[in-house]
């Protein structure tokens, strides 16, 4: 099963379950129930998934695409990758 948090996205998936936002407890339950987390480079999601030994694919948001003010998500994911 695929489940996605789509936030403010204009795209709404039709082939899998999705939601805009959930509270922290429900979000943690989704992480608990997941085998694989595909996420941006947000520290909260990454750390939560890592603490639960989940496999992670991360696509950090980048400043050059006006997705973020700076590239701190790229810096964080690079550090985590290099640390194994």
N, C-alpha and C. Protein backbone atom coordinates (compact mmCIF):
# COMPACT_ATOMS: atom_id res chain seq x y z
N UNK A 1 0.85 -1.18 0.00
CA UNK A 1 0.00 0.00 0.00
C UNK A 1 0.89 1.24 0.00
N UNK A 2 0.51 2.21 -0.79
CA UNK A 2 1.21 3.49 -0.83
C UNK A 2 0.31 4.54 -0.21
N UNK A 3 0.89 5.33 0.70
CA UNK A 3 0.17 6.43 1.34
C UNK A 3 1.07 7.65 1.26
N UNK A 4 0.50 8.81 0.92
CA UNK A 4 1.30 10.01 0.76
C UNK A 4 0.70 11.20 1.49
N UNK A 5 1.58 11.97 2.11
CA UNK A 5 1.19 13.28 2.62
C UNK A 5 1.51 14.27 1.50
N UNK A 6 0.50 14.95 1.00
CA UNK A 6 0.70 15.82 -0.15
C UNK A 6 0.76 17.31 0.19
N UNK A 7 0.48 17.65 1.43
CA UNK A 7 0.60 19.04 1.85
C UNK A 7 -0.21 19.99 0.99
N UNK A 8 0.43 21.06 0.55
CA UNK A 8 -0.25 22.09 -0.24
C UNK A 8 -0.17 21.84 -1.75
N UNK A 9 0.30 20.67 -2.15
CA UNK A 9 0.48 20.35 -3.56
C UNK A 9 -0.82 20.53 -4.34
N UNK A 10 -0.69 21.02 -5.56
CA UNK A 10 -1.86 21.12 -6.44
C UNK A 10 -2.20 19.76 -7.04
N UNK A 11 -1.20 18.88 -7.11
CA UNK A 11 -1.42 17.54 -7.64
C UNK A 11 -2.06 16.67 -6.57
N UNK A 12 -3.13 16.00 -6.92
CA UNK A 12 -3.80 15.07 -6.01
C UNK A 12 -3.76 13.69 -6.65
N UNK A 13 -3.02 12.76 -6.06
CA UNK A 13 -2.91 11.41 -6.62
C UNK A 13 -4.27 10.71 -6.69
N UNK A 14 -4.42 9.87 -7.69
CA UNK A 14 -5.66 9.10 -7.81
C UNK A 14 -5.42 7.60 -7.64
N UNK A 15 -4.14 7.18 -7.66
CA UNK A 15 -3.84 5.75 -7.60
C UNK A 15 -3.37 5.27 -6.24
N UNK A 16 -3.35 6.14 -5.26
CA UNK A 16 -2.99 5.72 -3.90
C UNK A 16 -3.60 6.69 -2.90
N UNK A 17 -3.71 6.17 -1.68
CA UNK A 17 -4.31 6.95 -0.60
C UNK A 17 -3.40 8.13 -0.26
N UNK A 18 -4.02 9.28 0.04
CA UNK A 18 -3.24 10.46 0.38
C UNK A 18 -4.02 11.35 1.33
N UNK A 19 -3.29 12.25 1.96
CA UNK A 19 -3.89 13.24 2.85
C UNK A 19 -3.03 14.49 2.79
N UNK A 20 -3.59 15.61 3.16
CA UNK A 20 -2.84 16.87 3.14
C UNK A 20 -1.89 16.91 4.35
N UNK A 21 -2.45 16.85 5.54
CA UNK A 21 -1.66 16.90 6.77
C UNK A 21 -2.34 16.05 7.84
N UNK A 22 -1.56 15.54 8.77
CA UNK A 22 -2.09 14.84 9.94
C UNK A 22 -1.33 15.34 11.16
N UNK A 23 -1.86 15.05 12.35
CA UNK A 23 -1.15 15.45 13.56
C UNK A 23 0.06 14.54 13.78
N UNK A 24 0.90 14.92 14.72
CA UNK A 24 2.16 14.21 14.96
C UNK A 24 1.99 12.75 15.32
N UNK A 25 1.01 12.43 16.15
CA UNK A 25 0.80 11.04 16.55
C UNK A 25 0.41 10.17 15.36
N UNK A 26 -0.48 10.68 14.51
CA UNK A 26 -0.90 9.90 13.34
C UNK A 26 0.26 9.76 12.35
N UNK A 27 1.05 10.82 12.21
CA UNK A 27 2.21 10.77 11.32
C UNK A 27 3.19 9.69 11.80
N UNK A 28 3.42 9.62 13.11
CA UNK A 28 4.31 8.61 13.67
C UNK A 28 3.77 7.20 13.42
N UNK A 29 2.45 7.05 13.46
CA UNK A 29 1.86 5.74 13.17
C UNK A 29 2.13 5.34 11.71
N UNK A 30 2.03 6.29 10.80
CA UNK A 30 2.36 5.99 9.40
C UNK A 30 3.81 5.55 9.27
N UNK A 31 4.71 6.20 9.99
CA UNK A 31 6.11 5.80 9.96
C UNK A 31 6.26 4.39 10.54
N UNK A 32 5.61 4.14 11.67
CA UNK A 32 5.66 2.81 12.29
C UNK A 32 5.23 1.72 11.31
N UNK A 33 4.19 1.99 10.55
CA UNK A 33 3.60 0.99 9.65
C UNK A 33 4.32 0.86 8.31
N UNK A 34 5.30 1.72 8.06
CA UNK A 34 5.97 1.75 6.76
C UNK A 34 7.19 0.85 6.69
N UNK A 35 7.44 0.34 5.50
CA UNK A 35 8.68 -0.38 5.23
C UNK A 35 9.71 0.56 4.62
N UNK A 36 9.23 1.57 3.89
CA UNK A 36 10.08 2.52 3.19
C UNK A 36 9.47 3.91 3.30
N UNK A 37 10.30 4.89 3.60
CA UNK A 37 9.87 6.29 3.69
C UNK A 37 10.54 7.05 2.55
N UNK A 38 9.74 7.70 1.71
CA UNK A 38 10.26 8.59 0.68
C UNK A 38 9.89 10.00 1.13
N UNK A 39 10.90 10.85 1.30
CA UNK A 39 10.67 12.13 1.97
C UNK A 39 11.60 13.22 1.45
N UNK A 40 11.25 14.45 1.80
CA UNK A 40 12.20 15.55 1.60
C UNK A 40 13.27 15.42 2.68
N UNK A 41 14.12 16.37 2.83
CA UNK A 41 15.21 16.27 3.80
C UNK A 41 14.90 16.89 5.14
N UNK A 42 13.65 16.91 5.55
CA UNK A 42 13.27 17.50 6.83
C UNK A 42 13.80 16.69 8.00
N UNK A 43 14.41 17.38 8.94
CA UNK A 43 15.07 16.70 10.05
C UNK A 43 14.09 15.86 10.87
N UNK A 44 12.89 16.34 11.10
CA UNK A 44 11.92 15.60 11.91
C UNK A 44 11.56 14.26 11.31
N UNK A 45 11.25 14.25 10.04
CA UNK A 45 10.88 13.01 9.37
C UNK A 45 12.07 12.07 9.29
N UNK A 46 13.24 12.60 8.92
CA UNK A 46 14.43 11.76 8.82
C UNK A 46 14.79 11.11 10.15
N UNK A 47 14.83 11.89 11.20
CA UNK A 47 15.20 11.35 12.52
C UNK A 47 14.17 10.34 13.00
N UNK A 48 12.88 10.65 12.82
CA UNK A 48 11.83 9.70 13.24
C UNK A 48 11.98 8.37 12.51
N UNK A 49 12.22 8.43 11.21
CA UNK A 49 12.37 7.20 10.43
C UNK A 49 13.65 6.45 10.82
N UNK A 50 14.73 7.17 11.03
CA UNK A 50 15.99 6.53 11.41
C UNK A 50 15.88 5.85 12.77
N UNK A 51 15.23 6.50 13.73
CA UNK A 51 15.07 5.90 15.06
C UNK A 51 14.31 4.59 15.00
N UNK A 52 13.47 4.44 13.99
CA UNK A 52 12.68 3.23 13.85
C UNK A 52 13.25 2.28 12.80
N UNK A 53 14.52 2.54 12.42
CA UNK A 53 15.25 1.68 11.47
C UNK A 53 14.52 1.47 10.15
N UNK A 54 13.89 2.52 9.66
CA UNK A 54 13.19 2.44 8.38
C UNK A 54 14.15 2.74 7.24
N UNK A 55 13.91 2.14 6.10
CA UNK A 55 14.65 2.48 4.89
C UNK A 55 14.13 3.82 4.42
N UNK A 56 15.06 4.68 3.96
CA UNK A 56 14.69 6.05 3.59
C UNK A 56 15.26 6.40 2.22
N UNK A 57 14.42 7.01 1.40
CA UNK A 57 14.87 7.69 0.18
C UNK A 57 14.53 9.15 0.39
N UNK A 58 15.54 10.00 0.29
CA UNK A 58 15.34 11.41 0.58
C UNK A 58 15.62 12.27 -0.65
N UNK A 59 14.73 13.21 -0.90
CA UNK A 59 14.87 14.19 -1.97
C UNK A 59 14.85 15.57 -1.32
N UNK A 60 16.01 16.07 -0.89
CA UNK A 60 16.04 17.37 -0.21
C UNK A 60 15.49 18.48 -1.09
N UNK A 61 14.78 19.40 -0.46
CA UNK A 61 14.33 20.60 -1.17
C UNK A 61 15.54 21.50 -1.39
N UNK A 62 15.59 22.15 -2.54
CA UNK A 62 16.76 22.93 -2.92
C UNK A 62 16.43 24.40 -3.16
N UNK A 63 17.36 25.25 -2.78
CA UNK A 63 17.20 26.69 -2.96
C UNK A 63 17.13 27.08 -4.43
N UNK A 64 17.90 26.40 -5.28
CA UNK A 64 17.94 26.78 -6.69
C UNK A 64 16.59 26.61 -7.39
N UNK A 65 15.69 25.82 -6.81
CA UNK A 65 14.35 25.65 -7.36
C UNK A 65 13.31 26.44 -6.55
N UNK A 66 13.80 27.32 -5.66
CA UNK A 66 12.93 28.12 -4.79
C UNK A 66 12.04 27.25 -3.90
N UNK A 67 12.55 26.07 -3.56
CA UNK A 67 11.82 25.17 -2.67
C UNK A 67 12.12 25.49 -1.20
N UNK A 68 13.24 26.16 -0.99
CA UNK A 68 13.67 26.51 0.37
C UNK A 68 14.59 27.71 0.29
N UNK A 69 14.84 28.32 1.44
CA UNK A 69 15.70 29.51 1.47
C UNK A 69 17.17 29.19 1.29
N UNK A 70 17.57 27.99 1.72
CA UNK A 70 18.96 27.56 1.59
C UNK A 70 18.98 26.05 1.38
N UNK A 71 20.16 25.48 1.35
CA UNK A 71 20.28 24.04 1.08
C UNK A 71 20.58 23.22 2.34
N UNK A 72 20.00 23.61 3.47
CA UNK A 72 20.27 22.88 4.71
C UNK A 72 19.78 21.43 4.64
N UNK A 73 18.71 21.16 3.88
CA UNK A 73 18.25 19.77 3.78
C UNK A 73 19.26 18.92 3.02
N UNK A 74 19.86 19.49 1.99
CA UNK A 74 20.90 18.78 1.26
C UNK A 74 22.12 18.54 2.15
N UNK A 75 22.49 19.54 2.93
CA UNK A 75 23.63 19.40 3.84
C UNK A 75 23.37 18.29 4.85
N UNK A 76 22.16 18.27 5.43
CA UNK A 76 21.81 17.26 6.42
C UNK A 76 21.82 15.86 5.81
N UNK A 77 21.17 15.70 4.66
CA UNK A 77 21.11 14.36 4.06
C UNK A 77 22.50 13.88 3.63
N UNK A 78 23.35 14.79 3.22
CA UNK A 78 24.72 14.42 2.86
C UNK A 78 25.48 13.92 4.08
N UNK A 79 25.36 14.62 5.19
CA UNK A 79 26.01 14.19 6.44
C UNK A 79 25.50 12.82 6.87
N UNK A 80 24.19 12.63 6.84
CA UNK A 80 23.61 11.34 7.25
C UNK A 80 24.07 10.22 6.33
N UNK A 81 24.10 10.48 5.04
CA UNK A 81 24.57 9.48 4.07
C UNK A 81 26.02 9.11 4.33
N UNK A 82 26.84 10.11 4.53
CA UNK A 82 28.28 9.87 4.75
C UNK A 82 28.54 9.13 6.07
N UNK A 83 27.66 9.32 7.04
CA UNK A 83 27.80 8.62 8.33
C UNK A 83 27.22 7.21 8.30
N UNK A 84 26.62 6.85 7.16
CA UNK A 84 26.06 5.49 7.01
C UNK A 84 24.70 5.35 7.59
